[in-house]
Protein backbone atom coordinates (compact mmCIF):
# COMPACT_ATOMS: atom_id res chain seq x y z
CA MET A 1 51.00 31.46 25.79
CA PHE A 2 51.72 28.96 23.01
CA GLU A 3 50.15 25.94 24.74
CA LEU A 4 46.90 26.66 22.91
CA ALA A 5 48.83 26.98 19.67
CA LEU A 6 50.43 23.58 20.16
CA THR A 7 47.03 22.09 20.86
CA ALA A 8 45.62 23.79 17.77
CA ALA A 9 48.57 22.51 15.73
CA GLN A 10 47.85 18.98 16.87
CA ALA A 11 44.18 19.31 15.91
CA ALA A 12 44.83 20.96 12.55
CA ALA A 13 47.80 18.97 11.28
CA SER A 14 47.76 15.54 12.90
CA HIS A 15 45.47 14.01 10.25
CA GLN A 16 48.27 14.18 7.66
CA HIS A 17 50.82 11.37 7.33
CA TYR A 18 54.34 12.28 8.50
CA PRO A 19 56.58 9.47 7.27
CA GLU A 20 59.77 8.34 8.95
CA HIS A 21 63.08 8.38 7.02
CA SER A 22 62.16 11.94 5.95
CA LEU A 23 63.70 15.40 6.08
CA TYR A 24 61.20 18.17 6.88
CA VAL A 25 62.29 21.60 5.57
CA VAL A 26 60.51 24.00 7.92
CA ALA A 27 60.12 27.76 7.47
CA THR A 28 60.37 29.76 10.70
CA PRO A 29 59.40 33.40 11.40
CA ILE A 30 61.59 36.18 10.02
CA GLY A 31 60.91 38.32 13.07
CA ASN A 32 57.37 37.96 14.38
CA LEU A 33 56.87 34.84 16.51
CA ALA A 34 53.19 34.72 15.54
CA ASP A 35 54.13 33.94 11.92
CA ILE A 36 54.91 30.29 12.67
CA THR A 37 52.42 27.93 11.00
CA LEU A 38 50.39 25.35 12.90
CA ARG A 39 51.81 22.63 10.68
CA ALA A 40 55.37 23.77 11.45
CA LEU A 41 54.66 23.58 15.19
CA HIS A 42 53.20 20.10 14.79
CA VAL A 43 56.20 18.84 12.82
CA LEU A 44 58.70 20.41 15.21
CA GLN A 45 56.95 18.51 18.00
CA ARG A 46 57.15 15.21 16.12
CA VAL A 47 60.67 15.16 14.71
CA ASP A 48 63.51 13.35 16.45
CA ALA A 49 66.06 16.12 15.85
CA ILE A 50 66.43 19.52 14.19
CA ALA A 51 69.31 20.58 11.93
CA CYS A 52 69.75 24.32 12.35
CA GLU A 53 71.99 27.20 11.38
CA ASP A 54 72.73 28.36 14.94
CA THR A 55 71.88 25.99 17.80
CA ARG A 56 71.67 28.84 20.33
CA HIS A 57 69.24 30.82 18.20
CA THR A 58 67.07 27.81 17.43
CA ALA A 59 67.04 26.66 21.05
CA ALA A 60 65.78 30.10 22.09
CA LEU A 61 63.16 30.09 19.30
CA LEU A 62 61.88 26.63 20.26
CA GLY A 63 61.76 27.69 23.89
CA GLN A 64 59.36 30.49 22.97
CA TYR A 65 56.92 27.82 21.78
CA GLY A 66 57.58 25.47 24.69
CA LEU A 67 59.51 22.99 22.53
CA HIS A 68 62.79 21.21 23.23
CA LYS A 69 64.56 18.95 20.73
CA PRO A 70 68.08 17.64 20.05
CA LEU A 71 69.82 20.12 17.77
CA ILE A 72 72.37 19.47 15.01
CA ALA A 73 74.53 22.42 13.90
CA LEU A 74 74.32 22.77 10.11
CA HIS A 75 75.76 25.97 8.68
CA GLN A 76 77.75 27.17 5.67
CA HIS A 77 81.05 25.92 7.11
CA ASN A 78 80.02 22.35 7.97
CA GLU A 79 76.99 21.58 5.80
CA ALA A 80 78.68 18.76 3.87
CA GLN A 81 79.78 16.90 7.01
CA ALA A 82 76.56 17.61 8.92
CA SER A 83 74.52 16.31 5.99
CA VAL A 84 76.20 12.91 6.36
CA ALA A 85 75.08 12.74 10.00
CA VAL A 86 71.53 13.78 9.11
CA VAL A 87 71.28 11.19 6.34
CA ALA A 88 72.45 8.51 8.79
CA ARG A 89 69.67 9.49 11.20
CA LEU A 90 67.09 9.33 8.41
CA GLN A 91 68.33 5.93 7.29
CA ALA A 92 67.87 4.74 10.86
CA GLY A 93 64.19 5.66 10.64
CA GLN A 94 64.19 9.11 12.25
CA ARG A 95 62.37 12.25 11.21
CA VAL A 96 64.65 15.31 11.06
CA ALA A 97 63.64 18.94 10.53
CA CYS A 98 65.85 21.54 8.86
CA VAL A 99 65.45 25.20 9.85
CA SER A 100 67.47 28.36 9.31
CA ASP A 101 67.79 31.29 11.70
CA ALA A 102 64.83 32.98 9.99
CA GLY A 103 62.58 32.28 7.05
CA THR A 104 62.77 29.41 4.60
CA PRO A 105 65.91 27.20 4.57
CA ALA A 106 67.96 26.76 1.40
CA ILE A 107 66.99 30.23 0.11
CA SER A 108 70.24 32.19 0.66
CA ASP A 109 70.58 30.15 3.88
CA PRO A 110 72.07 26.68 4.53
CA GLY A 111 69.97 23.67 3.58
CA ALA A 112 70.36 23.20 -0.18
CA ARG A 113 73.29 20.79 0.10
CA LEU A 114 71.47 18.85 2.81
CA VAL A 115 68.42 18.49 0.56
CA GLN A 116 70.68 17.28 -2.27
CA ALA A 117 72.32 14.70 0.03
CA VAL A 118 68.97 13.41 1.28
CA ARG A 119 67.60 13.05 -2.25
CA ALA A 120 70.82 11.38 -3.42
CA ALA A 121 70.32 8.80 -0.64
CA GLY A 122 66.87 8.04 -2.02
CA LEU A 123 65.10 9.55 0.96
CA ARG A 124 62.13 11.89 1.08
CA VAL A 125 62.18 15.68 1.49
CA VAL A 126 58.96 17.27 2.79
CA PRO A 127 58.78 21.10 2.43
CA LEU A 128 56.65 23.15 4.84
CA PRO A 129 55.90 26.62 3.41
CA GLY A 130 55.93 29.66 5.63
CA ALA A 131 57.59 33.00 6.27
CA SER A 132 59.97 34.39 3.64
CA SER A 133 61.41 37.90 3.35
CA VAL A 134 61.30 37.50 -0.44
CA THR A 135 57.55 36.99 -0.77
CA THR A 136 56.84 39.33 2.15
CA LEU A 137 58.43 42.28 0.36
CA LEU A 138 57.27 41.32 -3.13
CA CYS A 139 53.62 41.53 -2.10
CA ALA A 140 54.23 45.01 -0.69
CA ALA A 141 56.17 46.24 -3.75
CA GLY A 142 53.09 46.24 -5.97
CA LEU A 143 54.60 44.39 -8.92
CA ASP A 144 52.31 43.01 -11.59
CA ALA A 145 53.48 39.91 -13.47
CA GLY A 146 51.86 41.21 -16.62
CA LEU A 147 53.50 44.64 -16.47
CA HIS A 148 57.19 43.94 -16.23
CA GLY A 149 58.28 45.22 -19.59
CA THR A 150 59.82 41.91 -20.70
CA ALA A 151 58.46 39.10 -22.76
CA ALA A 152 59.07 36.59 -19.99
CA GLY A 153 57.66 38.70 -17.15
CA GLY A 154 58.25 37.47 -13.62
CA PHE A 155 61.14 38.49 -11.39
CA GLY A 156 64.66 37.36 -10.63
CA PHE A 157 66.22 36.47 -7.28
CA LEU A 158 69.84 37.37 -6.55
CA GLY A 159 69.90 37.20 -2.76
CA PHE A 160 73.13 38.53 -1.26
CA LEU A 161 75.46 40.23 -3.73
CA PRO A 162 79.25 39.64 -3.47
CA SER A 163 80.95 41.32 -0.52
CA LYS A 164 83.98 42.49 -2.52
CA THR A 165 83.51 45.95 -4.01
CA MET A 166 84.52 45.19 -7.60
CA GLU A 167 82.46 41.99 -7.78
CA ARG A 168 79.45 43.74 -6.25
CA HIS A 169 79.61 46.57 -8.81
CA LYS A 170 79.84 44.00 -11.64
CA ALA A 171 76.75 42.27 -10.27
CA VAL A 172 74.84 45.57 -10.13
CA ALA A 173 75.93 46.42 -13.68
CA ALA A 174 74.59 43.06 -14.87
CA LEU A 175 71.36 43.67 -12.97
CA GLY A 176 71.00 47.03 -14.70
CA GLU A 177 71.10 45.35 -18.11
CA ASP A 178 68.11 43.16 -17.23
CA ALA A 179 64.71 44.86 -17.38
CA ARG A 180 63.05 42.42 -14.97
CA PRO A 181 62.48 43.17 -11.27
CA TRP A 182 65.12 41.65 -8.98
CA VAL A 183 65.03 40.67 -5.32
CA LEU A 184 68.09 41.30 -3.15
CA LEU A 185 68.89 40.59 0.50
CA GLU A 186 71.44 42.40 2.65
CA ALA A 187 72.85 42.48 6.17
CA PRO A 188 72.89 45.79 8.08
CA HIS A 189 76.69 46.17 8.13
CA ARG A 190 76.83 46.00 4.30
CA MET A 191 73.69 47.93 3.46
CA ALA A 192 75.43 51.30 2.99
CA ASP A 193 77.80 49.78 0.43
CA LEU A 194 74.90 48.18 -1.43
CA ALA A 195 73.00 51.49 -1.49
CA GLN A 196 76.01 53.22 -3.05
CA ALA A 197 76.38 50.49 -5.65
CA LEU A 198 72.71 50.60 -6.63
CA GLY A 199 72.96 54.34 -7.20
CA VAL A 200 74.23 53.71 -10.75
CA LEU A 201 70.74 52.49 -11.66
CA GLY A 202 69.55 56.11 -11.44
CA SER A 203 65.80 56.65 -11.40
CA ARG A 204 64.94 52.95 -11.56
CA LEU A 205 62.72 52.30 -8.56
CA VAL A 206 63.60 50.13 -5.59
CA THR A 207 61.35 49.01 -2.75
CA VAL A 208 63.36 48.58 0.43
CA GLY A 209 62.10 46.60 3.41
CA ARG A 210 63.80 46.90 6.79
CA GLU A 211 62.99 44.74 9.82
CA LEU A 212 60.13 43.06 7.98
CA THR A 213 57.29 41.75 10.24
CA LYS A 214 58.91 43.29 13.33
CA GLN A 215 57.71 46.16 15.50
CA PHE A 216 59.72 48.80 13.63
CA GLU A 217 59.12 47.46 10.13
CA GLU A 218 59.77 50.03 7.42
CA ILE A 219 58.91 49.72 3.70
CA ASP A 220 59.48 52.48 1.18
CA THR A 221 59.76 52.86 -2.60
CA LEU A 222 62.15 55.38 -4.10
CA PRO A 223 64.64 55.83 -6.97
CA CYS A 224 67.83 53.78 -6.66
CA ASN A 225 69.96 56.93 -6.71
CA ALA A 226 68.11 58.19 -3.61
CA LEU A 227 68.62 55.02 -1.56
CA ALA A 228 71.92 56.06 0.07
CA ALA A 229 70.40 59.34 1.29
CA TRP A 230 67.28 57.53 2.52
CA LEU A 231 69.44 55.11 4.48
CA THR A 232 71.31 57.86 6.36
CA ALA A 233 68.29 60.13 6.88
CA GLN A 234 67.45 58.38 10.16
CA PRO A 235 70.04 56.66 12.41
CA GLN A 236 67.92 53.53 13.04
CA ARG A 237 67.88 52.74 9.33
CA LEU A 238 71.46 51.50 9.61
CA ARG A 239 70.19 48.65 11.79
CA GLY A 240 68.13 45.60 10.95
CA GLU A 241 67.95 43.04 8.17
CA PHE A 242 67.06 44.22 4.65
CA ALA A 243 65.24 42.90 1.62
CA LEU A 244 65.01 44.92 -1.58
CA VAL A 245 63.05 44.71 -4.82
CA VAL A 246 64.65 46.55 -7.73
CA HIS A 247 61.67 47.29 -9.96
CA ALA A 248 61.44 46.71 -13.70
CA ALA A 249 63.53 49.09 -15.77
CA PRO A 250 61.57 52.15 -16.93
CA ALA A 251 60.56 52.47 -20.53
CA THR A 252 63.04 53.97 -22.96
CA ASP A 253 62.38 57.38 -24.43
CA ASN A 254 61.27 55.77 -27.69
CA GLU A 255 58.70 53.65 -25.88
CA ALA A 256 57.39 56.66 -23.98
CA ASP A 257 57.18 58.71 -27.18
CA GLU A 258 54.94 56.05 -28.68
CA VAL A 259 52.23 56.70 -26.06
CA PRO A 260 49.67 59.03 -27.72
CA ALA A 261 49.10 62.39 -26.10
CA SER A 262 45.46 61.54 -25.40
CA ALA A 263 46.49 58.38 -23.52
CA GLN A 264 49.09 60.36 -21.55
CA ARG A 265 46.44 62.91 -20.52
CA THR A 266 44.12 60.11 -19.38
CA LEU A 267 46.93 58.51 -17.42
CA ARG A 268 47.86 61.77 -15.66
CA LEU A 269 44.24 62.39 -14.63
CA LEU A 270 43.89 58.90 -13.23
CA LEU A 271 47.21 59.09 -11.37
CA ASP A 272 45.88 62.13 -9.49
CA GLU A 273 43.16 59.94 -7.96
CA LEU A 274 44.33 56.31 -8.06
CA PRO A 275 47.33 54.08 -7.27
CA LEU A 276 49.84 53.78 -10.09
CA LYS A 277 49.00 50.20 -11.10
CA THR A 278 45.24 50.82 -11.12
CA ALA A 279 45.66 54.05 -13.07
CA ALA A 280 47.75 52.30 -15.75
CA ARG A 281 45.21 49.50 -16.09
CA LEU A 282 42.25 51.85 -16.44
CA ALA A 283 44.13 54.15 -18.81
CA ALA A 284 44.85 51.13 -21.02
CA GLU A 285 41.18 50.15 -21.03
CA ILE A 286 40.07 53.70 -21.88
CA SER A 287 42.72 54.47 -24.51
CA GLN A 288 43.17 50.94 -25.91
CA HIS A 289 46.94 51.53 -25.63
CA PRO A 290 49.15 48.68 -24.29
CA LYS A 291 49.04 48.55 -20.52
CA ASN A 292 52.76 47.90 -20.16
CA ALA A 293 53.78 51.09 -21.97
CA LEU A 294 51.43 53.17 -19.80
CA TYR A 295 52.69 51.51 -16.63
CA GLN A 296 56.33 52.15 -17.51
CA LEU A 297 55.55 55.77 -18.38
CA ALA A 298 53.82 56.20 -15.01
CA LEU A 299 56.90 54.78 -13.28
CA ARG A 300 59.04 57.38 -15.07
CA TRP A 301 56.75 60.17 -13.94
CA LYS A 302 56.84 58.93 -10.37
CA SER A 303 60.63 58.77 -10.26
CA ASP A 304 60.97 62.20 -11.91
CA PRO A 305 57.88 64.41 -11.26
CA ASP A 306 59.40 67.28 -13.26
CA GLN A 307 59.12 65.42 -16.55
CA PRO A 308 56.68 67.02 -19.02
């Protein structure tokens, strides 16, 4: 099935120079095999070896594309030692790829220390963009960089929170003091604990993504204090890998009180017909009131429909 893809990869990517003595950091699918890039397939064909998180997983993944390469185990327990072996291969003139079990290496997965070692040796690192649970969920969460309620805007990335209960609750408390959106990742066996911890954030919204890109993908947005109930509402929700976006903190009461009544009426009318972000933007244009304040007020209304 993937013979045509390999041929297409050769045609699309072969014109670029792929130097020896280089580490290629290659993103792989987070669930859907079709999300591999043509350039990734071309590089995985060309490299002399592949450093990977789990050799069994990567061997099976490569087999799906009709590829077979020498594999080097590189995971959280041996990354320092394995990096020495990879650097030696690069110094000998080889090309080596680095992949994780899913998504982009060195983002909450092994690979960062390898990249540091390769750069310290004066060798080249070539990144190949591709699948990432972080960007996959962010684009479905509907965040707007200009509407985050902070001067800096943007979002923060926390990845996996600590596994110990006390440390995890401290991390959530610190998250709650920051108004920016935050991206979290979690494994299925710890998701229930994370949902309980996030409950202290109350009506602050969270977009949860389960089994992203896979057949039973599920994405929903709800208040943080409703996440635990959402998780247990259906048995299958306790399975699968998770990514979460904790949305920007809602406006304070003082900020909401500053929105004129006429602007609030306009916003409510638009929310009846339009998505939240579009309604806030149009209400700002009509009322000449700051867009951020209207957006935050709309978030409050969504999380608590009984508000006046």
